[in-house]
Amino acid sequence: MRRFAFIALHAPDWPVREQCRVLGVSPSGYYAWQKRALAAAEPALPAWQVAAQRVFTTHAGRYGQRRLRAQLRREGHAVGRQRLRG
């Protein structure tokens, strides 16, 4: 929806409701689009999780939870054992 993207781009300068009225779209449609766009953006993984995946694949998936946790601590990541269980 190009209209919604236009509204988002100019939201700091013009009120959203006024833009919606001028462009002929509903404000609720804009806010629903904005919510979907935010939900679609995938959050970045924490640094410890990236390091854990790297260490685990480096050792052919044979690192246990204790050794993995010890390695992450050596690399400077403070991770508890319950985090690694998942």
C-alpha atoms as a PDB file:
ATOM      1  CA  MET A   1       0.000   0.000   0.000  1.00  0.00           C
ATOM      2  CA  ARG A   2       1.781   3.109  -1.214  1.00  0.00           C
ATOM      3  CA  ARG A   3      -0.676   5.438   0.477  1.00  0.00           C
ATOM      4  CA  PHE A   4       0.049   3.996   3.893  1.00  0.00           C
ATOM      5  CA  ALA A   5       3.796   4.213   3.289  1.00  0.00           C
ATOM      6  CA  PHE A   6       3.339   7.856   2.279  1.00  0.00           C
ATOM      7  CA  ILE A   7       1.401   8.543   5.471  1.00  0.00           C
ATOM      8  CA  ALA A   8       4.090   6.856   7.570  1.00  0.00           C
ATOM      9  CA  LEU A   9       6.788   8.899   5.858  1.00  0.00           C
ATOM     10  CA  HIS A  10       5.023  12.201   6.519  1.00  0.00           C
ATOM     11  CA  ALA A  11       3.570  11.372   9.955  1.00  0.00           C
ATOM     12  CA  PRO A  12       6.085  13.559  11.825  1.00  0.00           C
ATOM     13  CA  ASP A  13       5.025  16.601   9.770  1.00  0.00           C
ATOM     14  CA  TRP A  14       1.266  16.123   9.328  1.00  0.00           C
ATOM     15  CA  PRO A  15      -1.419  14.556  11.530  1.00  0.00           C
ATOM     16  CA  VAL A  16      -2.225  11.003  10.484  1.00  0.00           C
ATOM     17  CA  ARG A  17      -5.988  11.492  10.549  1.00  0.00           C
ATOM     18  CA  GLU A  18      -5.764  14.516   8.287  1.00  0.00           C
ATOM     19  CA  GLN A  19      -3.563  12.654   5.797  1.00  0.00           C
ATOM     20  CA  CYS A  20      -5.991   9.730   5.808  1.00  0.00           C
ATOM     21  CA  ARG A  21      -8.908  12.055   5.095  1.00  0.00           C
ATOM     22  CA  VAL A  22      -7.087  13.735   2.196  1.00  0.00           C
ATOM     23  CA  LEU A  23      -5.909  10.440   0.688  1.00  0.00           C
ATOM     24  CA  GLY A  24      -9.274   8.742   1.143  1.00  0.00           C
ATOM     25  CA  VAL A  25      -8.217   5.916   3.440  1.00  0.00           C
ATOM     26  CA  SER A  26      -9.422   5.032   6.908  1.00  0.00           C
ATOM     27  CA  PRO A  27      -7.209   5.758   9.896  1.00  0.00           C
ATOM     28  CA  SER A  28      -7.947   2.288  11.261  1.00  0.00           C
ATOM     29  CA  GLY A  29      -6.671   0.799   7.994  1.00  0.00           C
ATOM     30  CA  TYR A  30      -3.444   2.761   8.348  1.00  0.00           C
ATOM     31  CA  TYR A  31      -2.909   1.663  11.940  1.00  0.00           C
ATOM     32  CA  ALA A  32      -3.647  -1.968  11.007  1.00  0.00           C
ATOM     33  CA  TRP A  33      -1.077  -1.728   8.187  1.00  0.00           C
ATOM     34  CA  GLN A  34       1.451  -0.217  10.582  1.00  0.00           C
ATOM     35  CA  LYS A  35       0.879  -3.005  13.100  1.00  0.00           C
ATOM     36  CA  ARG A  36       1.332  -5.683  10.404  1.00  0.00           C
ATOM     37  CA  ALA A  37       4.511  -4.002   9.169  1.00  0.00           C
ATOM     38  CA  LEU A  38       5.973  -3.962  12.682  1.00  0.00           C
ATOM     39  CA  ALA A  39       5.011  -7.598  13.273  1.00  0.00           C
ATOM     40  CA  ALA A  40       6.611  -8.655   9.992  1.00  0.00           C
ATOM     41  CA  ALA A  41       9.959  -7.158  10.965  1.00  0.00           C
ATOM     42  CA  GLU A  42      11.937  -9.985  12.520  1.00  0.00           C
ATOM     43  CA  PRO A  43      13.807  -9.046  15.679  1.00  0.00           C
ATOM     44  CA  ALA A  44      17.553  -9.621  15.709  1.00  0.00           C
ATOM     45  CA  LEU A  45      18.908 -12.471  17.794  1.00  0.00           C
ATOM     46  CA  PRO A  46      20.865 -11.607  20.946  1.00  0.00           C
ATOM     47  CA  ALA A  47      24.647 -11.855  20.663  1.00  0.00           C
ATOM     48  CA  TRP A  48      24.839 -14.846  23.016  1.00  0.00           C
ATOM     49  CA  GLN A  49      22.370 -16.777  20.869  1.00  0.00           C
ATOM     50  CA  VAL A  50      24.388 -16.156  17.716  1.00  0.00           C
ATOM     51  CA  ALA A  51      27.551 -17.250  19.530  1.00  0.00           C
ATOM     52  CA  ALA A  52      25.819 -20.379  20.867  1.00  0.00           C
ATOM     53  CA  GLN A  53      24.698 -21.381  17.372  1.00  0.00           C
ATOM     54  CA  ARG A  54      28.200 -20.820  16.032  1.00  0.00           C
ATOM     55  CA  VAL A  55      29.863 -22.871  18.783  1.00  0.00           C
ATOM     56  CA  PHE A  56      27.291 -25.664  18.509  1.00  0.00           C
ATOM     57  CA  THR A  57      27.660 -26.015  14.731  1.00  0.00           C
ATOM     58  CA  THR A  58      31.460 -25.735  14.944  1.00  0.00           C
ATOM     59  CA  HIS A  59      31.502 -28.843  17.116  1.00  0.00           C
ATOM     60  CA  ALA A  60      29.122 -30.769  14.833  1.00  0.00           C
ATOM     61  CA  GLY A  61      26.213 -30.458  17.234  1.00  0.00           C
ATOM     62  CA  ARG A  62      27.978 -32.540  19.878  1.00  0.00           C
ATOM     63  CA  TYR A  63      28.474 -29.897  22.544  1.00  0.00           C
ATOM     64  CA  GLY A  64      26.346 -30.457  25.622  1.00  0.00           C
ATOM     65  CA  GLN A  65      24.673 -27.750  27.601  1.00  0.00           C
ATOM     66  CA  ARG A  66      27.434 -27.550  30.236  1.00  0.00           C
ATOM     67  CA  ARG A  67      30.299 -27.324  27.748  1.00  0.00           C
ATOM     68  CA  LEU A  68      28.364 -24.849  25.619  1.00  0.00           C
ATOM     69  CA  ARG A  69      27.692 -22.651  28.639  1.00  0.00           C
ATOM     70  CA  ALA A  70      31.349 -22.778  29.684  1.00  0.00           C
ATOM     71  CA  GLN A  71      32.470 -21.804  26.187  1.00  0.00           C
ATOM     72  CA  LEU A  72      30.018 -18.897  26.068  1.00  0.00           C
ATOM     73  CA  ARG A  73      31.240 -17.668  29.444  1.00  0.00           C
ATOM     74  CA  ARG A  74      34.841 -17.799  28.207  1.00  0.00           C
ATOM     75  CA  GLU A  75      33.747 -15.612  25.296  1.00  0.00           C
ATOM     76  CA  GLY A  76      32.167 -13.103  27.698  1.00  0.00           C
ATOM     77  CA  HIS A  77      28.461 -13.985  27.463  1.00  0.00           C
ATOM     78  CA  ALA A  78      26.695 -14.295  30.826  1.00  0.00           C
ATOM     79  CA  VAL A  79      24.132 -16.985  30.041  1.00  0.00           C
ATOM     80  CA  GLY A  80      22.320 -19.150  32.558  1.00  0.00           C
ATOM     81  CA  ARG A  81      21.690 -22.843  31.984  1.00  0.00           C
ATOM     82  CA  GLN A  82      17.936 -22.423  31.679  1.00  0.00           C
ATOM     83  CA  ARG A  83      18.412 -20.149  28.659  1.00  0.00           C
ATOM     84  CA  LEU A  84      20.416 -22.809  26.857  1.00  0.00           C
ATOM     85  CA  ARG A  85      17.922 -25.592  27.468  1.00  0.00           C
ATOM     86  CA  GLY A  86      15.649 -24.314  24.722  1.00  0.00           C
END
